[in-house]
PDB file of N, CA and C in Angstrom:
ATOM      1  N   MET A   1      26.924  28.742  -0.852  1.00  0.00           N
ATOM      2  CA  MET A   1      25.635  29.136  -1.387  1.00  0.00           C
ATOM      3  C   MET A   1      24.540  28.569  -0.489  1.00  0.00           C
ATOM      4  N   VAL A   2      23.658  29.410  -0.035  1.00  0.00           N
ATOM      5  CA  VAL A   2      22.580  29.019   0.863  1.00  0.00           C
ATOM      6  C   VAL A   2      21.290  28.908   0.053  1.00  0.00           C
ATOM      7  N   ILE A   3      20.619  27.795   0.242  1.00  0.00           N
ATOM      8  CA  ILE A   3      19.339  27.605  -0.438  1.00  0.00           C
ATOM      9  C   ILE A   3      18.246  28.184   0.445  1.00  0.00           C
ATOM     10  N   GLY A   4      17.413  29.040  -0.140  1.00  0.00           N
ATOM     11  CA  GLY A   4      16.352  29.675   0.624  1.00  0.00           C
ATOM     12  C   GLY A   4      15.204  28.723   0.919  1.00  0.00           C
ATOM     13  N   ASP A   5      14.386  29.103   1.893  1.00  0.00           N
ATOM     14  CA  ASP A   5      13.233  28.287   2.258  1.00  0.00           C
ATOM     15  C   ASP A   5      12.237  28.159   1.115  1.00  0.00           C
ATOM     16  N   SER A   6      12.191  29.158   0.239  1.00  0.00           N
ATOM     17  CA  SER A   6      11.234  29.112  -0.867  1.00  0.00           C
ATOM     18  C   SER A   6      11.578  28.004  -1.866  1.00  0.00           C
ATOM     19  N   VAL A   7      12.824  27.587  -1.907  1.00  0.00           N
ATOM     20  CA  VAL A   7      13.240  26.494  -2.791  1.00  0.00           C
ATOM     21  C   VAL A   7      13.257  25.176  -2.038  1.00  0.00           C
ATOM     22  N   LEU A   8      13.638  25.203  -0.791  1.00  0.00           N
ATOM     23  CA  LEU A   8      13.804  23.985  -0.004  1.00  0.00           C
ATOM     24  C   LEU A   8      12.480  23.293   0.299  1.00  0.00           C
ATOM     25  N   THR A   9      11.448  24.039   0.642  1.00  0.00           N
ATOM     26  CA  THR A   9      10.164  23.442   0.995  1.00  0.00           C
ATOM     27  C   THR A   9       9.543  22.666  -0.168  1.00  0.00           C
ATOM     28  N   PRO A  10       9.462  23.231  -1.375  1.00  0.00           N
ATOM     29  CA  PRO A  10       8.924  22.439  -2.493  1.00  0.00           C
ATOM     30  C   PRO A  10       9.809  21.234  -2.836  1.00  0.00           C
ATOM     31  N   ALA A  11      11.111  21.364  -2.648  1.00  0.00           N
ATOM     32  CA  ALA A  11      12.015  20.250  -2.934  1.00  0.00           C
ATOM     33  C   ALA A  11      11.785  19.090  -1.963  1.00  0.00           C
ATOM     34  N   ILE A  12      11.596  19.416  -0.691  1.00  0.00           N
ATOM     35  CA  ILE A  12      11.319  18.377   0.300  1.00  0.00           C
ATOM     36  C   ILE A  12       9.970  17.733   0.020  1.00  0.00           C
ATOM     37  N   SER A  13       8.977  18.539  -0.324  1.00  0.00           N
ATOM     38  CA  SER A  13       7.653  18.003  -0.647  1.00  0.00           C
ATOM     39  C   SER A  13       7.718  17.078  -1.859  1.00  0.00           C
ATOM     40  N   ALA A  14       8.471  17.475  -2.858  1.00  0.00           N
ATOM     41  CA  ALA A  14       8.619  16.638  -4.052  1.00  0.00           C
ATOM     42  C   ALA A  14       9.333  15.335  -3.728  1.00  0.00           C
ATOM     43  N   ALA A  15      10.320  15.386  -2.853  1.00  0.00           N
ATOM     44  CA  ALA A  15      11.031  14.168  -2.457  1.00  0.00           C
ATOM     45  C   ALA A  15      10.109  13.215  -1.699  1.00  0.00           C
ATOM     46  N   ILE A  16       9.264  13.755  -0.849  1.00  0.00           N
ATOM     47  CA  ILE A  16       8.324  12.913  -0.096  1.00  0.00           C
ATOM     48  C   ILE A  16       7.320  12.263  -1.039  1.00  0.00           C
ATOM     49  N   VAL A  17       6.758  13.032  -1.946  1.00  0.00           N
ATOM     50  CA  VAL A  17       5.790  12.495  -2.903  1.00  0.00           C
ATOM     51  C   VAL A  17       6.458  11.453  -3.799  1.00  0.00           C
ATOM     52  N   GLY A  18       7.666  11.747  -4.243  1.00  0.00           N
ATOM     53  CA  GLY A  18       8.394  10.802  -5.099  1.00  0.00           C
ATOM     54  C   GLY A  18       8.709   9.504  -4.391  1.00  0.00           C
ATOM     55  N   SER A  19       9.124   9.578  -3.136  1.00  0.00           N
ATOM     56  CA  SER A  19       9.447   8.357  -2.400  1.00  0.00           C
ATOM     57  C   SER A  19       8.199   7.526  -2.150  1.00  0.00           C
ATOM     58  N   GLN A  20       7.086   8.172  -1.860  1.00  0.00           N
ATOM     59  CA  GLN A  20       5.834   7.436  -1.672  1.00  0.00           C
ATOM     60  C   GLN A  20       5.389   6.778  -2.974  1.00  0.00           C
ATOM     61  N   ALA A  21       5.630   7.438  -4.093  1.00  0.00           N
ATOM     62  CA  ALA A  21       5.276   6.851  -5.395  1.00  0.00           C
ATOM     63  C   ALA A  21       6.107   5.603  -5.671  1.00  0.00           C
ATOM     64  N   VAL A  22       7.391   5.645  -5.346  1.00  0.00           N
ATOM     65  CA  VAL A  22       8.260   4.483  -5.550  1.00  0.00           C
ATOM     66  C   VAL A  22       7.818   3.326  -4.663  1.00  0.00           C
ATOM     67  N   ILE A  23       7.515   3.606  -3.411  1.00  0.00           N
ATOM     68  CA  ILE A  23       7.075   2.560  -2.485  1.00  0.00           C
ATOM     69  C   ILE A  23       5.759   1.955  -2.959  1.00  0.00           C
ATOM     70  N   THR A  24       4.806   2.791  -3.325  1.00  0.00           N
ATOM     71  CA  THR A  24       3.508   2.306  -3.790  1.00  0.00           C
ATOM     72  C   THR A  24       3.657   1.475  -5.053  1.00  0.00           C
ATOM     73  N   ALA A  25       4.471   1.937  -5.982  1.00  0.00           N
ATOM     74  CA  ALA A  25       4.672   1.207  -7.236  1.00  0.00           C
ATOM     75  C   ALA A  25       5.339  -0.141  -6.993  1.00  0.00           C
ATOM     76  N   SER A  26       6.317  -0.191  -6.102  1.00  0.00           N
ATOM     77  CA  SER A  26       7.006  -1.457  -5.854  1.00  0.00           C
ATOM     78  C   SER A  26       6.065  -2.489  -5.235  1.00  0.00           C
ATOM     79  N   PHE A  27       5.219  -2.063  -4.315  1.00  0.00           N
ATOM     80  CA  PHE A  27       4.266  -2.996  -3.729  1.00  0.00           C
ATOM     81  C   PHE A  27       3.187  -3.395  -4.732  1.00  0.00           C
ATOM     82  N   SER A  28       2.791  -2.479  -5.595  1.00  0.00           N
ATOM     83  CA  SER A  28       1.806  -2.801  -6.624  1.00  0.00           C
ATOM     84  C   SER A  28       2.370  -3.811  -7.623  1.00  0.00           C
ATOM     85  N   ILE A  29       3.607  -3.609  -8.032  1.00  0.00           N
ATOM     86  CA  ILE A  29       4.260  -4.556  -8.943  1.00  0.00           C
ATOM     87  C   ILE A  29       4.402  -5.913  -8.287  1.00  0.00           C
ATOM     88  N   PHE A  30       4.779  -5.923  -7.007  1.00  0.00           N
ATOM     89  CA  PHE A  30       4.895  -7.194  -6.295  1.00  0.00           C
ATOM     90  C   PHE A  30       3.552  -7.911  -6.247  1.00  0.00           C
ATOM     91  N   LYS A  31       2.489  -7.168  -5.967  1.00  0.00           N
ATOM     92  CA  LYS A  31       1.160  -7.773  -5.875  1.00  0.00           C
ATOM     93  C   LYS A  31       0.778  -8.430  -7.199  1.00  0.00           C
ATOM     94  N   GLN A  32       1.074  -7.757  -8.308  1.00  0.00           N
ATOM     95  CA  GLN A  32       0.758  -8.334  -9.616  1.00  0.00           C
ATOM     96  C   GLN A  32       1.634  -9.556  -9.905  1.00  0.00           C
ATOM     97  N   CYS A  33       2.917  -9.484  -9.574  1.00  0.00           N
ATOM     98  CA  CYS A  33       3.813 -10.631  -9.771  1.00  0.00           C
ATOM     99  C   CYS A  33       3.386 -11.813  -8.912  1.00  0.00           C
ATOM    100  N   HIS A  34       2.966 -11.527  -7.704  1.00  0.00           N
ATOM    101  CA  HIS A  34       2.513 -12.587  -6.803  1.00  0.00           C
ATOM    102  C   HIS A  34       1.248 -13.246  -7.353  1.00  0.00           C
ATOM    103  N   ALA A  35       0.336 -12.434  -7.889  1.00  0.00           N
ATOM    104  CA  ALA A  35      -0.906 -12.967  -8.462  1.00  0.00           C
ATOM    105  C   ALA A  35      -0.620 -13.844  -9.684  1.00  0.00           C
ATOM    106  N   LEU A  36       0.414 -13.509 -10.441  1.00  0.00           N
ATOM    107  CA  LEU A  36       0.776 -14.288 -11.635  1.00  0.00           C
ATOM    108  C   LEU A  36       1.713 -15.444 -11.324  1.00  0.00           C
ATOM    109  N   GLY A  37       2.178 -15.525 -10.079  1.00  0.00           N
ATOM    110  CA  GLY A  37       3.083 -16.601  -9.693  1.00  0.00           C
ATOM    111  C   GLY A  37       4.515 -16.386 -10.149  1.00  0.00           C
ATOM    112  N   CYS A  38       4.905 -15.141 -10.367  1.00  0.00           N
ATOM    113  CA  CYS A  38       6.254 -14.812 -10.852  1.00  0.00           C
ATOM    114  C   CYS A  38       7.233 -14.471  -9.734  1.00  0.00           C
ATOM    115  N   PHE A  39       6.787 -14.489  -8.503  1.00  0.00           N
ATOM    116  CA  PHE A  39       7.626 -14.077  -7.383  1.00  0.00           C
ATOM    117  C   PHE A  39       7.578 -15.176  -6.333  1.00  0.00           C
ATOM    118  N   PRO A  40       8.676 -15.446  -5.662  1.00  0.00           N
ATOM    119  CA  PRO A  40       8.654 -16.487  -4.624  1.00  0.00           C
ATOM    120  C   PRO A  40       7.642 -16.160  -3.524  1.00  0.00           C
ATOM    121  N   ARG A  41       7.175 -17.187  -2.865  1.00  0.00           N
ATOM    122  CA  ARG A  41       6.203 -16.987  -1.787  1.00  0.00           C
ATOM    123  C   ARG A  41       6.873 -16.274  -0.612  1.00  0.00           C
ATOM    124  N   VAL A  42       6.234 -15.223  -0.147  1.00  0.00           N
ATOM    125  CA  VAL A  42       6.712 -14.463   0.999  1.00  0.00           C
ATOM    126  C   VAL A  42       5.532 -14.197   1.925  1.00  0.00           C
ATOM    127  N   LYS A  43       5.839 -13.851   3.153  1.00  0.00           N
ATOM    128  CA  LYS A  43       4.793 -13.543   4.111  1.00  0.00           C
ATOM    129  C   LYS A  43       4.282 -12.128   3.867  1.00  0.00           C
ATOM    130  N   VAL A  44       2.997 -12.002   3.652  1.00  0.00           N
ATOM    131  CA  VAL A  44       2.357 -10.710   3.433  1.00  0.00           C
ATOM    132  C   VAL A  44       1.533 -10.380   4.664  1.00  0.00           C
ATOM    133  N   ALA A  45       1.849  -9.272   5.297  1.00  0.00           N
ATOM    134  CA  ALA A  45       1.105  -8.834   6.481  1.00  0.00           C
ATOM    135  C   ALA A  45       0.143  -7.722   6.074  1.00  0.00           C
ATOM    136  N   HIS A  46      -1.139  -7.936   6.300  1.00  0.00           N
ATOM    137  CA  HIS A  46      -2.147  -6.904   6.041  1.00  0.00           C
ATOM    138  C   HIS A  46      -2.215  -6.013   7.278  1.00  0.00           C
ATOM    139  N   THR A  47      -1.866  -4.751   7.100  1.00  0.00           N
ATOM    140  CA  THR A  47      -1.719  -3.851   8.242  1.00  0.00           C
ATOM    141  C   THR A  47      -3.008  -3.151   8.644  1.00  0.00           C
ATOM    142  N   SER A  48      -4.032  -3.238   7.810  1.00  0.00           N
ATOM    143  CA  SER A  48      -5.294  -2.573   8.136  1.00  0.00           C
ATOM    144  C   SER A  48      -6.461  -3.480   7.779  1.00  0.00           C
ATOM    145  N   LYS A  49      -7.412  -3.553   8.679  1.00  0.00           N
ATOM    146  CA  LYS A  49      -8.634  -4.321   8.409  1.00  0.00           C
ATOM    147  C   LYS A  49      -9.625  -3.510   7.591  1.00  0.00           C
ATOM    148  N   HIS A  50      -9.450  -2.189   7.568  1.00  0.00           N
ATOM    149  CA  HIS A  50     -10.421  -1.306   6.933  1.00  0.00           C
ATOM    150  C   HIS A  50      -9.986  -0.824   5.548  1.00  0.00           C
ATOM    151  N   ILE A  51      -8.692  -0.748   5.306  1.00  0.00           N
ATOM    152  CA  ILE A  51      -8.194  -0.229   4.030  1.00  0.00           C
ATOM    153  C   ILE A  51      -7.663  -1.393   3.202  1.00  0.00           C
ATOM    154  N   HIS A  52      -8.305  -1.655   2.065  1.00  0.00           N
ATOM    155  CA  HIS A  52      -7.894  -2.751   1.198  1.00  0.00           C
ATOM    156  C   HIS A  52      -6.554  -2.425   0.538  1.00  0.00           C
ATOM    157  N   GLY A  53      -5.654  -3.383   0.519  1.00  0.00           N
ATOM    158  CA  GLY A  53      -4.370  -3.199  -0.148  1.00  0.00           C
ATOM    159  C   GLY A  53      -3.278  -2.651   0.743  1.00  0.00           C
ATOM    160  N   GLN A  54      -3.574  -2.400   1.992  1.00  0.00           N
ATOM    161  CA  GLN A  54      -2.555  -1.906   2.926  1.00  0.00           C
ATOM    162  C   GLN A  54      -1.753  -3.111   3.422  1.00  0.00           C
ATOM    163  N   ILE A  55      -0.569  -3.320   2.845  1.00  0.00           N
ATOM    164  CA  ILE A  55       0.220  -4.512   3.152  1.00  0.00           C
ATOM    165  C   ILE A  55       1.643  -4.138   3.555  1.00  0.00           C
ATOM    166  N   TYR A  56       2.292  -5.081   4.215  1.00  0.00           N
ATOM    167  CA  TYR A  56       3.698  -4.934   4.599  1.00  0.00           C
ATOM    168  C   TYR A  56       4.420  -6.223   4.241  1.00  0.00           C
ATOM    169  N   ILE A  57       5.515  -6.090   3.508  1.00  0.00           N
ATOM    170  CA  ILE A  57       6.314  -7.250   3.120  1.00  0.00           C
ATOM    171  C   ILE A  57       7.775  -6.918   3.438  1.00  0.00           C
ATOM    172  N   LEU A  58       8.330  -7.651   4.377  1.00  0.00           N
ATOM    173  CA  LEU A  58       9.689  -7.390   4.845  1.00  0.00           C
ATOM    174  C   LEU A  58      10.703  -7.469   3.701  1.00  0.00           C
ATOM    175  N   GLU A  59      10.578  -8.453   2.839  1.00  0.00           N
ATOM    176  CA  GLU A  59      11.551  -8.645   1.759  1.00  0.00           C
ATOM    177  C   GLU A  59      11.564  -7.461   0.783  1.00  0.00           C
ATOM    178  N   ILE A  60      10.396  -6.904   0.485  1.00  0.00           N
ATOM    179  CA  ILE A  60      10.332  -5.751  -0.417  1.00  0.00           C
ATOM    180  C   ILE A  60      11.000  -4.545   0.230  1.00  0.00           C
ATOM    181  N   ASN A  61      10.793  -4.358   1.527  1.00  0.00           N
ATOM    182  CA  ASN A  61      11.461  -3.252   2.220  1.00  0.00           C
ATOM    183  C   ASN A  61      12.979  -3.395   2.169  1.00  0.00           C
ATOM    184  N   TRP A  62      13.481  -4.615   2.347  1.00  0.00           N
ATOM    185  CA  TRP A  62      14.933  -4.834   2.274  1.00  0.00           C
ATOM    186  C   TRP A  62      15.454  -4.575   0.864  1.00  0.00           C
ATOM    187  N   ILE A  63      14.716  -5.001  -0.146  1.00  0.00           N
ATOM    188  CA  ILE A  63      15.130  -4.741  -1.531  1.00  0.00           C
ATOM    189  C   ILE A  63      15.207  -3.240  -1.772  1.00  0.00           C
ATOM    190  N   LEU A  64      14.200  -2.498  -1.304  1.00  0.00           N
ATOM    191  CA  LEU A  64      14.193  -1.042  -1.486  1.00  0.00           C
ATOM    192  C   LEU A  64      15.366  -0.369  -0.773  1.00  0.00           C
ATOM    193  N   ILE A  65      15.676  -0.786   0.446  1.00  0.00           N
ATOM    194  CA  ILE A  65      16.779  -0.146   1.172  1.00  0.00           C
ATOM    195  C   ILE A  65      18.120  -0.480   0.525  1.00  0.00           C
ATOM    196  N   ILE A  66      18.289  -1.712   0.059  1.00  0.00           N
ATOM    197  CA  ILE A  66      19.553  -2.092  -0.599  1.00  0.00           C
ATOM    198  C   ILE A  66      19.731  -1.314  -1.899  1.00  0.00           C
ATOM    199  N   LEU A  67      18.665  -1.186  -2.686  1.00  0.00           N
ATOM    200  CA  LEU A  67      18.764  -0.412  -3.934  1.00  0.00           C
ATOM    201  C   LEU A  67      19.025   1.063  -3.652  1.00  0.00           C
ATOM    202  N   THR A  68      18.382   1.605  -2.619  1.00  0.00           N
ATOM    203  CA  THR A  68      18.609   3.012  -2.261  1.00  0.00           C
ATOM    204  C   THR A  68      20.052   3.251  -1.845  1.00  0.00           C
ATOM    205  N   LEU A  69      20.578   2.370  -1.020  1.00  0.00           N
ATOM    206  CA  LEU A  69      21.976   2.507  -0.597  1.00  0.00           C
ATOM    207  C   LEU A  69      22.939   2.331  -1.771  1.00  0.00           C
ATOM    208  N   ALA A  70      22.654   1.375  -2.653  1.00  0.00           N
ATOM    209  CA  ALA A  70      23.520   1.156  -3.816  1.00  0.00           C
ATOM    210  C   ALA A  70      23.551   2.380  -4.725  1.00  0.00           C
ATOM    211  N   ILE A  71      22.402   2.983  -4.946  1.00  0.00           N
ATOM    212  CA  ILE A  71      22.351   4.184  -5.793  1.00  0.00           C
ATOM    213  C   ILE A  71      23.076   5.342  -5.116  1.00  0.00           C
ATOM    214  N   THR A  72      22.841   5.523  -3.825  1.00  0.00           N
ATOM    215  CA  THR A  72      23.483   6.613  -3.084  1.00  0.00           C
ATOM    216  C   THR A  72      24.996   6.446  -3.061  1.00  0.00           C
ATOM    217  N   ILE A  73      25.472   5.248  -2.792  1.00  0.00           N
ATOM    218  CA  ILE A  73      26.915   4.992  -2.761  1.00  0.00           C
ATOM    219  C   ILE A  73      27.501   5.073  -4.166  1.00  0.00           C
ATOM    220  N   GLY A  74      26.734   4.624  -5.162  1.00  0.00           N
ATOM    221  CA  GLY A  74      27.219   4.651  -6.544  1.00  0.00           C
ATOM    222  C   GLY A  74      27.455   6.054  -7.071  1.00  0.00           C
ATOM    223  N   PHE A  75      26.607   7.002  -6.704  1.00  0.00           N
ATOM    224  CA  PHE A  75      26.785   8.375  -7.175  1.00  0.00           C
ATOM    225  C   PHE A  75      27.878   9.107  -6.408  1.00  0.00           C
ATOM    226  N   ARG A  76      28.015   8.866  -5.123  1.00  0.00           N
ATOM    227  CA  ARG A  76      29.080   9.417  -4.273  1.00  0.00           C
ATOM    228  C   ARG A  76      29.063  10.933  -4.096  1.00  0.00           C
ATOM    229  N   ASP A  77      28.269  11.643  -4.868  1.00  0.00           N
ATOM    230  CA  ASP A  77      28.305  13.098  -4.812  1.00  0.00           C
ATOM    231  C   ASP A  77      26.906  13.638  -5.098  1.00  0.00           C
ATOM    232  N   ILE A  78      26.486  14.631  -4.349  1.00  0.00           N
ATOM    233  CA  ILE A  78      25.151  15.187  -4.533  1.00  0.00           C
ATOM    234  C   ILE A  78      25.012  15.880  -5.891  1.00  0.00           C
ATOM    235  N   THR A  79      26.099  16.401  -6.419  1.00  0.00           N
ATOM    236  CA  THR A  79      26.063  17.029  -7.734  1.00  0.00           C
ATOM    237  C   THR A  79      25.742  16.001  -8.811  1.00  0.00           C
ATOM    238  N   MET A  80      26.328  14.821  -8.690  1.00  0.00           N
ATOM    239  CA  MET A  80      26.061  13.768  -9.674  1.00  0.00           C
ATOM    240  C   MET A  80      24.614  13.292  -9.590  1.00  0.00           C
ATOM    241  N   ILE A  81      24.067  13.230  -8.381  1.00  0.00           N
ATOM    242  CA  ILE A  81      22.657  12.861  -8.217  1.00  0.00           C
ATOM    243  C   ILE A  81      21.767  13.936  -8.851  1.00  0.00           C
ATOM    244  N   GLY A  82      22.100  15.193  -8.619  1.00  0.00           N
ATOM    245  CA  GLY A  82      21.348  16.290  -9.234  1.00  0.00           C
ATOM    246  C   GLY A  82      21.417  16.246 -10.752  1.00  0.00           C
ATOM    247  N   ASN A  83      22.581  15.933 -11.303  1.00  0.00           N
ATOM    248  CA  ASN A  83      22.708  15.822 -12.751  1.00  0.00           C
ATOM    249  C   ASN A  83      21.880  14.648 -13.303  1.00  0.00           C
ATOM    250  N   ALA A  84      21.780  13.578 -12.539  1.00  0.00           N
ATOM    251  CA  ALA A  84      20.989  12.433 -12.968  1.00  0.00           C
ATOM    252  C   ALA A  84      19.500  12.808 -13.055  1.00  0.00           C
ATOM    253  N   TYR A  85      19.061  13.702 -12.204  1.00  0.00           N
ATOM    254  CA  TYR A  85      17.687  14.174 -12.255  1.00  0.00           C
ATOM    255  C   TYR A  85      17.485  15.285 -13.286  1.00  0.00           C
ATOM    256  N   GLY A  86      18.542  15.682 -13.961  1.00  0.00           N
ATOM    257  CA  GLY A  86      18.442  16.700 -14.986  1.00  0.00           C
ATOM    258  C   GLY A  86      18.575  18.109 -14.448  1.00  0.00           C
ATOM    259  N   LYS A  87      19.069  18.226 -13.241  1.00  0.00           N
ATOM    260  CA  LYS A  87      19.209  19.518 -12.580  1.00  0.00           C
ATOM    261  C   LYS A  87      20.692  19.809 -12.419  1.00  0.00           C
ATOM    262  N   SER A  88      21.127  20.985 -12.753  1.00  0.00           N
ATOM    263  CA  SER A  88      22.554  21.278 -12.574  1.00  0.00           C
ATOM    264  C   SER A  88      22.787  22.437 -11.643  1.00  0.00           C
TER     265      SER A  88
END
């Protein structure tokens, strides 16, 4: 079964938007935890002098990649991932 471009393009766009939302949320949660003293001290690199809140934290990136790999390996099949999203 071949997926047409009319379905693939919105799916890729949705995946990009979804991944950016996860990244933004994880850094936002970290920032709040750091402000409350609930997270160990880590090095925070501010990547932009002009845009407030543009930060890079190596440990958060590693946590995200490990969780992504664990979820991908845990499902083992694209059909199971699709079912988890409610799509069959």
